[in-house]
Amino acid sequence: MTASTRGTLLLDRGVGPLLVLPATLLVVVFLVGPFYYMMYTALTDLSFADASRNGNFVGLDNFRKLMRDDPLFWDSFLLTLRFVVLAVSIEFVLGFALAFLIFRFVARQRLLTTLLLIPMMIAPVAVGLIWRLLLQGDFGMVTYYMRKVGLLSQNAAVLSSPDLVFPAIVAIDVWQWTPFVTLVMLAGLMSLPRSPIEAAMMDGAGPVRVFLDVMLPLLKPIIALVLLLRGIDAFKEFDKVFIMTGGGPGTLTELVSIYAYRVNFRNWDLGYGAAVAFMVYLVVLILCSIFYKAIYWSANRPAPLGGHG
């Protein structure tokens, strides 16, 4: 009796649920359980900084305060949206352009794609530490050369400058994650079927029309997937920015994840902090829903048969 036959017999005898039980328990313990505890805490006034607030049920009061009476939350939320839109847009444009150039003009792609993996392989905390040292005001190497070429005054530092700190965190995120977009889009370009492209070229379509009318529609599901993954990850950005700036100077880089950290673990306002964390989860859920529909819609559109002359 072969292994596949034995496996089939085990499944026929109802052993299947037992095989998935360990994974199900892990999901319940590490995902479902904490989520429901967060929801319960968000409905209470639990605070470790105020002895009178010991977890009494307050209903939706935390959410009302969040929506109506907390300008700091909305400032951090809008700042996070700016960060996501700028970082993901630049990463997508640069990554797609680089992937197309590699696809068209680079014969030996293995070495180049390996080099592209390096920024992605570095832990975000390490990235934050590296760039904090490079941009340090007294001895940072990048700061030194920026002063040499006149991009920065002698007494200024990038991470403490109100005008430069936000562009800096966007640029560092672009540096780390543009290779991810490049590799995914390169894989998408390499997997495109040849027949529609060749048919369009035989019909007299030029390179621009082939790209716009044939290749781009075929890449739409992959584009939607890349934007989904990067959008979710950028919206949850915490470690790099926290290591480099801690949300400062002032609140100029206080993303919503850093604001949630401050409410929960500096102010110890756990009930209200759980409501803030739930809002982050809700936005990520909405992003997932939007891009899932975009991927489904793109995948179910009929593929183009050729280009235009």
C-alpha atoms as a PDB file:
ATOM      1  CA  MET A   1       0.000   0.000   0.000  1.00  0.00           C
ATOM      2  CA  THR A   2       1.445   3.310  -1.046  1.00  0.00           C
ATOM      3  CA  ALA A   3       1.701   6.380   1.173  1.00  0.00           C
ATOM      4  CA  SER A   4      -0.929   8.240  -0.853  1.00  0.00           C
ATOM      5  CA  THR A   5      -3.340   5.303  -0.505  1.00  0.00           C
ATOM      6  CA  ARG A   6      -2.793   5.175   3.270  1.00  0.00           C
ATOM      7  CA  GLY A   7      -3.408   8.920   3.462  1.00  0.00           C
ATOM      8  CA  THR A   8      -6.648   8.576   1.528  1.00  0.00           C
ATOM      9  CA  LEU A   9      -7.835   5.785   3.846  1.00  0.00           C
ATOM     10  CA  LEU A  10      -7.079   7.918   6.921  1.00  0.00           C
ATOM     11  CA  LEU A  11      -9.084  10.830   5.498  1.00  0.00           C
ATOM     12  CA  ASP A  12     -11.976   8.485   4.631  1.00  0.00           C
ATOM     13  CA  ARG A  13     -12.050   7.331   8.268  1.00  0.00           C
ATOM     14  CA  GLY A  14     -12.575  10.878   9.550  1.00  0.00           C
ATOM     15  CA  VAL A  15      -9.022  11.526  10.727  1.00  0.00           C
ATOM     16  CA  GLY A  16      -8.818  14.764   8.689  1.00  0.00           C
ATOM     17  CA  PRO A  17     -10.133  17.083  11.451  1.00  0.00           C
ATOM     18  CA  LEU A  18      -7.566  15.688  13.896  1.00  0.00           C
ATOM     19  CA  LEU A  19      -4.752  16.513  11.475  1.00  0.00           C
ATOM     20  CA  VAL A  20      -5.731  20.177  11.281  1.00  0.00           C
ATOM     21  CA  LEU A  21      -6.436  20.446  15.014  1.00  0.00           C
ATOM     22  CA  PRO A  22      -2.911  21.655  16.031  1.00  0.00           C
ATOM     23  CA  ALA A  23      -2.964  24.437  13.436  1.00  0.00           C
ATOM     24  CA  THR A  24      -6.492  25.397  14.472  1.00  0.00           C
ATOM     25  CA  LEU A  25      -5.442  25.615  18.130  1.00  0.00           C
ATOM     26  CA  LEU A  26      -2.512  27.867  17.211  1.00  0.00           C
ATOM     27  CA  VAL A  27      -4.814  30.195  15.263  1.00  0.00           C
ATOM     28  CA  VAL A  28      -7.291  30.339  18.152  1.00  0.00           C
ATOM     29  CA  VAL A  29      -4.607  30.959  20.783  1.00  0.00           C
ATOM     30  CA  PHE A  30      -2.517  33.517  18.917  1.00  0.00           C
ATOM     31  CA  LEU A  31      -5.070  35.247  16.648  1.00  0.00           C
ATOM     32  CA  VAL A  32      -8.701  34.751  17.573  1.00  0.00           C
ATOM     33  CA  GLY A  33      -8.185  34.886  21.339  1.00  0.00           C
ATOM     34  CA  PRO A  34      -6.189  38.147  21.419  1.00  0.00           C
ATOM     35  CA  PHE A  35      -8.589  39.752  18.950  1.00  0.00           C
ATOM     36  CA  TYR A  36     -11.645  39.079  21.101  1.00  0.00           C
ATOM     37  CA  TYR A  37      -9.765  40.179  24.217  1.00  0.00           C
ATOM     38  CA  MET A  38      -8.895  43.422  22.441  1.00  0.00           C
ATOM     39  CA  MET A  39     -12.571  43.923  21.543  1.00  0.00           C
ATOM     40  CA  TYR A  40     -13.626  43.277  25.138  1.00  0.00           C
ATOM     41  CA  THR A  41     -10.981  45.648  26.517  1.00  0.00           C
ATOM     42  CA  ALA A  42     -12.072  48.369  24.057  1.00  0.00           C
ATOM     43  CA  LEU A  43     -15.511  48.321  25.725  1.00  0.00           C
ATOM     44  CA  THR A  44     -14.059  48.955  29.198  1.00  0.00           C
ATOM     45  CA  ASP A  45     -12.282  51.801  30.998  1.00  0.00           C
ATOM     46  CA  LEU A  46      -9.274  49.685  31.982  1.00  0.00           C
ATOM     47  CA  SER A  47      -6.229  51.765  32.911  1.00  0.00           C
ATOM     48  CA  PHE A  48      -3.072  50.869  34.828  1.00  0.00           C
ATOM     49  CA  ALA A  49      -2.403  54.557  35.518  1.00  0.00           C
ATOM     50  CA  ASP A  50      -5.708  55.270  37.288  1.00  0.00           C
ATOM     51  CA  ALA A  51      -6.792  53.001  40.163  1.00  0.00           C
ATOM     52  CA  SER A  52     -10.433  54.087  39.801  1.00  0.00           C
ATOM     53  CA  ARG A  53     -10.581  52.677  36.271  1.00  0.00           C
ATOM     54  CA  ASN A  54     -10.375  48.953  36.869  1.00  0.00           C
ATOM     55  CA  GLY A  55     -12.084  47.596  33.766  1.00  0.00           C
ATOM     56  CA  ASN A  56     -15.696  48.709  34.164  1.00  0.00           C
ATOM     57  CA  PHE A  57     -17.891  48.236  31.105  1.00  0.00           C
ATOM     58  CA  VAL A  58     -18.400  51.562  29.282  1.00  0.00           C
ATOM     59  CA  GLY A  59     -19.889  50.387  25.999  1.00  0.00           C
ATOM     60  CA  LEU A  60     -18.922  52.480  22.997  1.00  0.00           C
ATOM     61  CA  ASP A  61     -17.626  55.459  25.000  1.00  0.00           C
ATOM     62  CA  ASN A  62     -14.027  54.843  23.922  1.00  0.00           C
ATOM     63  CA  PHE A  63     -15.036  54.806  20.272  1.00  0.00           C
ATOM     64  CA  ARG A  64     -17.113  57.984  20.689  1.00  0.00           C
ATOM     65  CA  LYS A  65     -14.121  59.716  22.260  1.00  0.00           C
ATOM     66  CA  LEU A  66     -11.903  58.438  19.475  1.00  0.00           C
ATOM     67  CA  MET A  67     -14.175  59.679  16.699  1.00  0.00           C
ATOM     68  CA  ARG A  68     -15.209  63.013  18.229  1.00  0.00           C
ATOM     69  CA  ASP A  69     -12.755  64.241  20.832  1.00  0.00           C
ATOM     70  CA  ASP A  70      -9.264  63.079  19.917  1.00  0.00           C
ATOM     71  CA  PRO A  71      -7.529  65.336  17.375  1.00  0.00           C
ATOM     72  CA  LEU A  72      -4.210  63.585  18.074  1.00  0.00           C
ATOM     73  CA  PHE A  73      -5.617  60.315  16.772  1.00  0.00           C
ATOM     74  CA  TRP A  74      -6.886  61.937  13.577  1.00  0.00           C
ATOM     75  CA  ASP A  75      -3.581  63.745  13.077  1.00  0.00           C
ATOM     76  CA  SER A  76      -1.706  60.451  13.352  1.00  0.00           C
ATOM     77  CA  PHE A  77      -4.266  58.710  11.147  1.00  0.00           C
ATOM     78  CA  LEU A  78      -3.991  61.304   8.355  1.00  0.00           C
ATOM     79  CA  LEU A  79      -0.202  61.271   8.679  1.00  0.00           C
ATOM     80  CA  THR A  80      -0.259  57.499   8.254  1.00  0.00           C
ATOM     81  CA  LEU A  81      -2.431  57.814   5.144  1.00  0.00           C
ATOM     82  CA  ARG A  82       0.058  60.325   3.709  1.00  0.00           C
ATOM     83  CA  PHE A  83       2.896  57.950   4.488  1.00  0.00           C
ATOM     84  CA  VAL A  84       1.121  54.994   2.860  1.00  0.00           C
ATOM     85  CA  VAL A  85       0.124  56.885  -0.291  1.00  0.00           C
ATOM     86  CA  LEU A  86       3.545  58.465  -0.825  1.00  0.00           C
ATOM     87  CA  ALA A  87       5.672  55.434   0.055  1.00  0.00           C
ATOM     88  CA  VAL A  88       3.607  52.829  -1.800  1.00  0.00           C
ATOM     89  CA  SER A  89       3.167  55.032  -4.882  1.00  0.00           C
ATOM     90  CA  ILE A  90       6.889  55.726  -5.186  1.00  0.00           C
ATOM     91  CA  GLU A  91       7.769  52.090  -4.502  1.00  0.00           C
ATOM     92  CA  PHE A  92       5.341  50.885  -7.149  1.00  0.00           C
ATOM     93  CA  VAL A  93       6.478  53.322  -9.857  1.00  0.00           C
ATOM     94  CA  LEU A  94      10.183  52.719  -9.213  1.00  0.00           C
ATOM     95  CA  GLY A  95       9.762  48.975  -8.719  1.00  0.00           C
ATOM     96  CA  PHE A  96       7.671  48.508 -11.865  1.00  0.00           C
ATOM     97  CA  ALA A  97      10.057  50.612 -13.958  1.00  0.00           C
ATOM     98  CA  LEU A  98      13.083  48.726 -12.649  1.00  0.00           C
ATOM     99  CA  ALA A  99      11.383  45.351 -13.214  1.00  0.00           C
ATOM    100  CA  PHE A 100      10.539  46.299 -16.805  1.00  0.00           C
ATOM    101  CA  LEU A 101      14.088  47.465 -17.502  1.00  0.00           C
ATOM    102  CA  ILE A 102      15.518  44.231 -16.079  1.00  0.00           C
ATOM    103  CA  PHE A 103      12.992  42.173 -18.056  1.00  0.00           C
ATOM    104  CA  ARG A 104      13.845  43.889 -21.352  1.00  0.00           C
ATOM    105  CA  PHE A 105      17.550  44.622 -21.152  1.00  0.00           C
ATOM    106  CA  VAL A 106      19.278  42.366 -18.580  1.00  0.00           C
ATOM    107  CA  ALA A 107      20.255  38.929 -19.802  1.00  0.00           C
ATOM    108  CA  ARG A 108      21.643  37.471 -16.556  1.00  0.00           C
ATOM    109  CA  GLN A 109      19.084  38.382 -13.941  1.00  0.00           C
ATOM    110  CA  ARG A 110      20.047  36.012 -11.119  1.00  0.00           C
ATOM    111  CA  LEU A 111      22.870  38.098  -9.639  1.00  0.00           C
ATOM    112  CA  LEU A 112      20.889  41.326  -9.875  1.00  0.00           C
ATOM    113  CA  THR A 113      17.773  39.864  -8.259  1.00  0.00           C
ATOM    114  CA  THR A 114      19.939  38.440  -5.473  1.00  0.00           C
ATOM    115  CA  LEU A 115      21.372  41.887  -4.782  1.00  0.00           C
ATOM    116  CA  LEU A 116      17.844  43.320  -4.746  1.00  0.00           C
ATOM    117  CA  LEU A 117      16.966  40.967  -1.897  1.00  0.00           C
ATOM    118  CA  ILE A 118      19.471  42.548   0.495  1.00  0.00           C
ATOM    119  CA  PRO A 119      17.369  45.523   1.765  1.00  0.00           C
ATOM    120  CA  MET A 120      14.343  43.249   2.215  1.00  0.00           C
ATOM    121  CA  MET A 121      16.310  40.676   4.185  1.00  0.00           C
ATOM    122  CA  ILE A 122      17.412  43.181   6.825  1.00  0.00           C
ATOM    123  CA  ALA A 123      15.120  43.259   9.866  1.00  0.00           C
ATOM    124  CA  PRO A 124      13.141  46.531  10.116  1.00  0.00           C
ATOM    125  CA  VAL A 125      14.635  47.213  13.557  1.00  0.00           C
ATOM    126  CA  ALA A 126      18.117  46.855  12.080  1.00  0.00           C
ATOM    127  CA  VAL A 127      17.140  49.158   9.204  1.00  0.00           C
ATOM    128  CA  GLY A 128      15.999  51.765  11.712  1.00  0.00           C
ATOM    129  CA  LEU A 129      19.254  51.502  13.666  1.00  0.00           C
ATOM    130  CA  ILE A 130      21.399  51.689  10.513  1.00  0.00           C
ATOM    131  CA  TRP A 131      19.668  54.782   9.165  1.00  0.00           C
ATOM    132  CA  ARG A 132      19.565  56.412  12.591  1.00  0.00           C
ATOM    133  CA  LEU A 133      23.362  56.159  12.682  1.00  0.00           C
ATOM    134  CA  LEU A 134      23.752  57.268   9.050  1.00  0.00           C
ATOM    135  CA  LEU A 135      21.558  60.333   9.664  1.00  0.00           C
ATOM    136  CA  GLN A 136      22.928  61.144  13.124  1.00  0.00           C
ATOM    137  CA  GLY A 137      23.584  64.854  13.493  1.00  0.00           C
ATOM    138  CA  ASP A 138      27.186  64.721  14.774  1.00  0.00           C
ATOM    139  CA  PHE A 139      28.879  61.807  13.010  1.00  0.00           C
ATOM    140  CA  GLY A 140      26.324  60.370  10.553  1.00  0.00           C
ATOM    141  CA  MET A 141      27.929  59.614   7.181  1.00  0.00           C
ATOM    142  CA  VAL A 142      24.883  60.639   5.118  1.00  0.00           C
ATOM    143  CA  THR A 143      24.551  63.827   7.172  1.00  0.00           C
ATOM    144  CA  TYR A 144      28.243  64.625   6.557  1.00  0.00           C
ATOM    145  CA  TYR A 145      27.929  64.359   2.775  1.00  0.00           C
ATOM    146  CA  MET A 146      24.632  66.255   2.719  1.00  0.00           C
ATOM    147  CA  ARG A 147      26.412  69.113   4.469  1.00  0.00           C
ATOM    148  CA  LYS A 148      29.340  68.838   2.064  1.00  0.00           C
ATOM    149  CA  VAL A 149      27.113  69.344  -0.995  1.00  0.00           C
ATOM    150  CA  GLY A 150      25.020  72.048   0.666  1.00  0.00           C
ATOM    151  CA  LEU A 151      21.793  70.085   1.114  1.00  0.00           C
ATOM    152  CA  LEU A 152      21.902  70.522   4.894  1.00  0.00           C
ATOM    153  CA  SER A 153      23.089  73.352   7.089  1.00  0.00           C
ATOM    154  CA  GLN A 154      25.960  72.752   9.503  1.00  0.00           C
ATOM    155  CA  ASN A 155      23.854  72.748  12.668  1.00  0.00           C
ATOM    156  CA  ALA A 156      20.885  70.773  11.314  1.00  0.00           C
ATOM    157  CA  ALA A 157      20.144  67.048  11.390  1.00  0.00           C
ATOM    158  CA  VAL A 158      17.700  65.237   9.146  1.00  0.00           C
ATOM    159  CA  LEU A 159      15.800  63.354  11.869  1.00  0.00           C
ATOM    160  CA  SER A 160      15.335  66.471  13.999  1.00  0.00           C
ATOM    161  CA  SER A 161      14.385  68.809  11.133  1.00  0.00           C
ATOM    162  CA  PRO A 162      10.619  69.439  10.831  1.00  0.00           C
ATOM    163  CA  ASP A 163      10.959  69.856   7.067  1.00  0.00           C
ATOM    164  CA  LEU A 164      13.094  66.784   6.386  1.00  0.00           C
ATOM    165  CA  VAL A 165      12.099  64.105   8.861  1.00  0.00           C
ATOM    166  CA  PHE A 166       8.882  62.958   7.144  1.00  0.00           C
ATOM    167  CA  PRO A 167      10.452  62.794   3.645  1.00  0.00           C
ATOM    168  CA  ALA A 168      13.322  60.885   5.271  1.00  0.00           C
ATOM    169  CA  ILE A 169      11.132  58.117   6.701  1.00  0.00           C
ATOM    170  CA  VAL A 170       9.311  57.830   3.367  1.00  0.00           C
ATOM    171  CA  ALA A 171      12.629  57.598   1.501  1.00  0.00           C
ATOM    172  CA  ILE A 172      13.937  54.907   3.867  1.00  0.00           C
ATOM    173  CA  ASP A 173      10.785  52.827   3.417  1.00  0.00           C
ATOM    174  CA  VAL A 174      11.150  53.218  -0.355  1.00  0.00           C
ATOM    175  CA  TRP A 175      14.784  52.085  -0.097  1.00  0.00           C
ATOM    176  CA  GLN A 176      13.802  48.946   1.784  1.00  0.00           C
ATOM    177  CA  TRP A 177      10.693  47.867  -0.095  1.00  0.00           C
ATOM    178  CA  THR A 178      11.123  48.944  -3.720  1.00  0.00           C
ATOM    179  CA  PRO A 179      13.070  45.691  -4.351  1.00  0.00           C
ATOM    180  CA  PHE A 180      10.024  43.718  -3.202  1.00  0.00           C
ATOM    181  CA  VAL A 181       7.855  45.418  -5.827  1.00  0.00           C
ATOM    182  CA  THR A 182      10.600  44.911  -8.420  1.00  0.00           C
ATOM    183  CA  LEU A 183      10.892  41.174  -7.791  1.00  0.00           C
ATOM    184  CA  VAL A 184       7.134  40.535  -7.779  1.00  0.00           C
ATOM    185  CA  MET A 185       6.537  42.580 -10.928  1.00  0.00           C
ATOM    186  CA  LEU A 186       9.537  40.936 -12.622  1.00  0.00           C
ATOM    187  CA  ALA A 187       8.060  37.525 -11.835  1.00  0.00           C
ATOM    188  CA  GLY A 188       4.742  38.729 -13.276  1.00  0.00           C
ATOM    189  CA  LEU A 189       6.399  39.958 -16.468  1.00  0.00           C
ATOM    190  CA  MET A 190       8.284  36.698 -16.899  1.00  0.00           C
ATOM    191  CA  SER A 191       5.088  34.670 -16.476  1.00  0.00           C
ATOM    192  CA  LEU A 192       3.089  36.529 -19.143  1.00  0.00           C
ATOM    193  CA  PRO A 193       1.850  34.323 -21.993  1.00  0.00           C
ATOM    194  CA  ARG A 194       3.631  34.975 -25.261  1.00  0.00           C
ATOM    195  CA  SER A 195       0.729  34.340 -27.643  1.00  0.00           C
ATOM    196  CA  PRO A 196      -1.267  37.580 -26.987  1.00  0.00           C
ATOM    197  CA  ILE A 197       1.921  39.667 -27.220  1.00  0.00           C
ATOM    198  CA  GLU A 198       2.999  37.996 -30.473  1.00  0.00           C
ATOM    199  CA  ALA A 199      -0.510  38.342 -31.915  1.00  0.00           C
ATOM    200  CA  ALA A 200      -0.536  42.067 -31.141  1.00  0.00           C
ATOM    201  CA  MET A 201       2.900  42.516 -32.733  1.00  0.00           C
ATOM    202  CA  MET A 202       1.770  40.647 -35.839  1.00  0.00           C
ATOM    203  CA  ASP A 203      -1.204  43.011 -36.049  1.00  0.00           C
ATOM    204  CA  GLY A 204       1.229  45.910 -36.232  1.00  0.00           C
ATOM    205  CA  ALA A 205       1.065  47.168 -32.654  1.00  0.00           C
ATOM    206  CA  GLY A 206       4.127  49.079 -31.468  1.00  0.00           C
ATOM    207  CA  PRO A 207       5.907  48.470 -28.140  1.00  0.00           C
ATOM    208  CA  VAL A 208       3.873  51.138 -26.325  1.00  0.00           C
ATOM    209  CA  ARG A 209       0.527  49.754 -27.529  1.00  0.00           C
ATOM    210  CA  VAL A 210       1.625  46.192 -26.691  1.00  0.00           C
ATOM    211  CA  PHE A 211       2.518  47.289 -23.170  1.00  0.00           C
ATOM    212  CA  LEU A 212      -0.638  49.357 -22.582  1.00  0.00           C
ATOM    213  CA  ASP A 213      -3.202  47.117 -24.311  1.00  0.00           C
ATOM    214  CA  VAL A 214      -1.830  43.627 -23.703  1.00  0.00           C
ATOM    215  CA  MET A 215       0.791  43.405 -20.962  1.00  0.00           C
ATOM    216  CA  LEU A 216      -0.697  45.886 -18.500  1.00  0.00           C
ATOM    217  CA  PRO A 217      -4.205  44.314 -18.447  1.00  0.00           C
ATOM    218  CA  LEU A 218      -2.641  40.891 -17.901  1.00  0.00           C
ATOM    219  CA  LEU A 219      -0.611  42.265 -14.990  1.00  0.00           C
ATOM    220  CA  LYS A 220      -3.574  43.871 -13.193  1.00  0.00           C
ATOM    221  CA  PRO A 221      -4.093  41.023 -10.668  1.00  0.00           C
ATOM    222  CA  ILE A 222      -0.398  41.099  -9.752  1.00  0.00           C
ATOM    223  CA  ILE A 223      -0.425  44.902  -9.486  1.00  0.00           C
ATOM    224  CA  ALA A 224      -3.444  44.755  -7.181  1.00  0.00           C
ATOM    225  CA  LEU A 225      -1.739  42.099  -5.046  1.00  0.00           C
ATOM    226  CA  VAL A 226       1.474  44.141  -4.742  1.00  0.00           C
ATOM    227  CA  LEU A 227      -0.449  47.275  -3.763  1.00  0.00           C
ATOM    228  CA  LEU A 228      -2.470  45.271  -1.239  1.00  0.00           C
ATOM    229  CA  LEU A 229       0.563  43.751   0.470  1.00  0.00           C
ATOM    230  CA  ARG A 230       2.550  46.978   0.542  1.00  0.00           C
ATOM    231  CA  GLY A 231      -0.444  49.088   1.587  1.00  0.00           C
ATOM    232  CA  ILE A 232      -1.210  46.843   4.554  1.00  0.00           C
ATOM    233  CA  ASP A 233       2.417  46.637   5.611  1.00  0.00           C
ATOM    234  CA  ALA A 234       2.984  50.399   5.274  1.00  0.00           C
ATOM    235  CA  PHE A 235      -0.147  51.212   7.260  1.00  0.00           C
ATOM    236  CA  LYS A 236       1.150  49.055  10.119  1.00  0.00           C
ATOM    237  CA  GLU A 237       4.646  50.596   9.979  1.00  0.00           C
ATOM    238  CA  PHE A 238       6.070  50.919  13.470  1.00  0.00           C
ATOM    239  CA  ASP A 239       9.548  49.583  14.150  1.00  0.00           C
ATOM    240  CA  LYS A 240      11.709  51.563  11.720  1.00  0.00           C
ATOM    241  CA  VAL A 241      10.059  54.889  12.503  1.00  0.00           C
ATOM    242  CA  PHE A 242       9.965  54.226  16.246  1.00  0.00           C
ATOM    243  CA  ILE A 243      13.673  53.367  16.311  1.00  0.00           C
ATOM    244  CA  MET A 244      14.668  56.408  14.226  1.00  0.00           C
ATOM    245  CA  THR A 245      12.429  59.155  15.624  1.00  0.00           C
ATOM    246  CA  GLY A 246      10.111  57.759  18.303  1.00  0.00           C
ATOM    247  CA  GLY A 247       7.343  59.718  16.586  1.00  0.00           C
ATOM    248  CA  GLY A 248       9.188  63.045  16.838  1.00  0.00           C
ATOM    249  CA  PRO A 249      10.205  65.733  16.594  1.00  0.00           C
ATOM    250  CA  GLY A 250       6.980  66.552  18.388  1.00  0.00           C
ATOM    251  CA  THR A 251       4.369  64.421  16.635  1.00  0.00           C
ATOM    252  CA  LEU A 252       5.608  64.985  13.075  1.00  0.00           C
ATOM    253  CA  THR A 253       6.272  61.274  12.511  1.00  0.00           C
ATOM    254  CA  GLU A 254       3.810  59.818  15.002  1.00  0.00           C
ATOM    255  CA  LEU A 255       2.089  57.253  12.824  1.00  0.00           C
ATOM    256  CA  VAL A 256      -1.128  55.705  14.105  1.00  0.00           C
ATOM    257  CA  SER A 257       0.739  52.572  15.239  1.00  0.00           C
ATOM    258  CA  ILE A 258       3.117  54.709  17.325  1.00  0.00           C
ATOM    259  CA  TYR A 259       0.140  56.626  18.724  1.00  0.00           C
ATOM    260  CA  ALA A 260      -1.479  53.317  19.716  1.00  0.00           C
ATOM    261  CA  TYR A 261       1.766  52.291  21.415  1.00  0.00           C
ATOM    262  CA  ARG A 262       1.930  55.586  23.319  1.00  0.00           C
ATOM    263  CA  VAL A 263      -1.662  55.314  24.555  1.00  0.00           C
ATOM    264  CA  ASN A 264      -1.267  51.672  25.599  1.00  0.00           C
ATOM    265  CA  PHE A 265       2.273  51.426  26.960  1.00  0.00           C
ATOM    266  CA  ARG A 266       3.202  54.940  28.017  1.00  0.00           C
ATOM    267  CA  ASN A 267      -0.145  56.285  29.213  1.00  0.00           C
ATOM    268  CA  TRP A 268      -1.299  52.755  30.207  1.00  0.00           C
ATOM    269  CA  ASP A 269      -4.831  53.602  29.044  1.00  0.00           C
ATOM    270  CA  LEU A 270      -5.563  50.072  27.883  1.00  0.00           C
ATOM    271  CA  GLY A 271      -9.298  50.436  27.256  1.00  0.00           C
ATOM    272  CA  TYR A 272      -8.903  53.451  25.017  1.00  0.00           C
ATOM    273  CA  GLY A 273      -5.735  52.016  23.492  1.00  0.00           C
ATOM    274  CA  ALA A 274      -7.625  48.869  22.486  1.00  0.00           C
ATOM    275  CA  ALA A 275     -10.136  51.081  20.650  1.00  0.00           C
ATOM    276  CA  VAL A 276      -7.260  52.760  18.788  1.00  0.00           C
ATOM    277  CA  ALA A 277      -5.795  49.355  17.880  1.00  0.00           C
ATOM    278  CA  PHE A 278      -9.181  48.199  16.622  1.00  0.00           C
ATOM    279  CA  MET A 279      -9.375  51.192  14.293  1.00  0.00           C
ATOM    280  CA  VAL A 280      -6.002  50.178  12.803  1.00  0.00           C
ATOM    281  CA  TYR A 281      -7.370  46.659  12.303  1.00  0.00           C
ATOM    282  CA  LEU A 282     -10.552  48.050  10.720  1.00  0.00           C
ATOM    283  CA  VAL A 283      -8.635  50.139   8.177  1.00  0.00           C
ATOM    284  CA  VAL A 284      -6.466  47.147   7.243  1.00  0.00           C
ATOM    285  CA  LEU A 285      -9.613  45.046   6.842  1.00  0.00           C
ATOM    286  CA  ILE A 286     -11.136  47.659   4.516  1.00  0.00           C
ATOM    287  CA  LEU A 287      -7.915  47.740   2.465  1.00  0.00           C
ATOM    288  CA  CYS A 288      -8.000  43.945   2.181  1.00  0.00           C
ATOM    289  CA  SER A 289     -11.626  44.009   1.056  1.00  0.00           C
ATOM    290  CA  ILE A 290     -11.029  46.692  -1.580  1.00  0.00           C
ATOM    291  CA  PHE A 291      -7.986  45.035  -3.084  1.00  0.00           C
ATOM    292  CA  TYR A 292      -9.512  41.558  -2.913  1.00  0.00           C
ATOM    293  CA  LYS A 293     -12.412  42.797  -5.015  1.00  0.00           C
ATOM    294  CA  ALA A 294      -9.936  44.460  -7.379  1.00  0.00           C
ATOM    295  CA  ILE A 295      -7.984  41.209  -7.757  1.00  0.00           C
ATOM    296  CA  TYR A 296     -11.186  39.183  -8.252  1.00  0.00           C
ATOM    297  CA  TRP A 297     -12.488  41.666 -10.815  1.00  0.00           C
ATOM    298  CA  SER A 298      -9.187  41.684 -12.709  1.00  0.00           C
ATOM    299  CA  ALA A 299      -8.858  37.919 -12.657  1.00  0.00           C
ATOM    300  CA  ASN A 300     -12.353  37.405 -14.073  1.00  0.00           C
ATOM    301  CA  ARG A 301     -12.055  39.886 -16.917  1.00  0.00           C
ATOM    302  CA  PRO A 302     -11.519  38.252 -20.317  1.00  0.00           C
ATOM    303  CA  ALA A 303      -7.879  38.471 -21.361  1.00  0.00           C
ATOM    304  CA  PRO A 304      -7.110  40.628 -24.418  1.00  0.00           C
ATOM    305  CA  LEU A 305      -6.604  38.714 -27.651  1.00  0.00           C
ATOM    306  CA  GLY A 306      -4.404  41.237 -29.349  1.00  0.00           C
ATOM    307  CA  GLY A 307      -3.402  44.863 -29.654  1.00  0.00           C
ATOM    308  CA  HIS A 308      -4.432  47.763 -31.817  1.00  0.00           C
ATOM    309  CA  GLY A 309      -2.526  48.999 -34.756  1.00  0.00           C
END
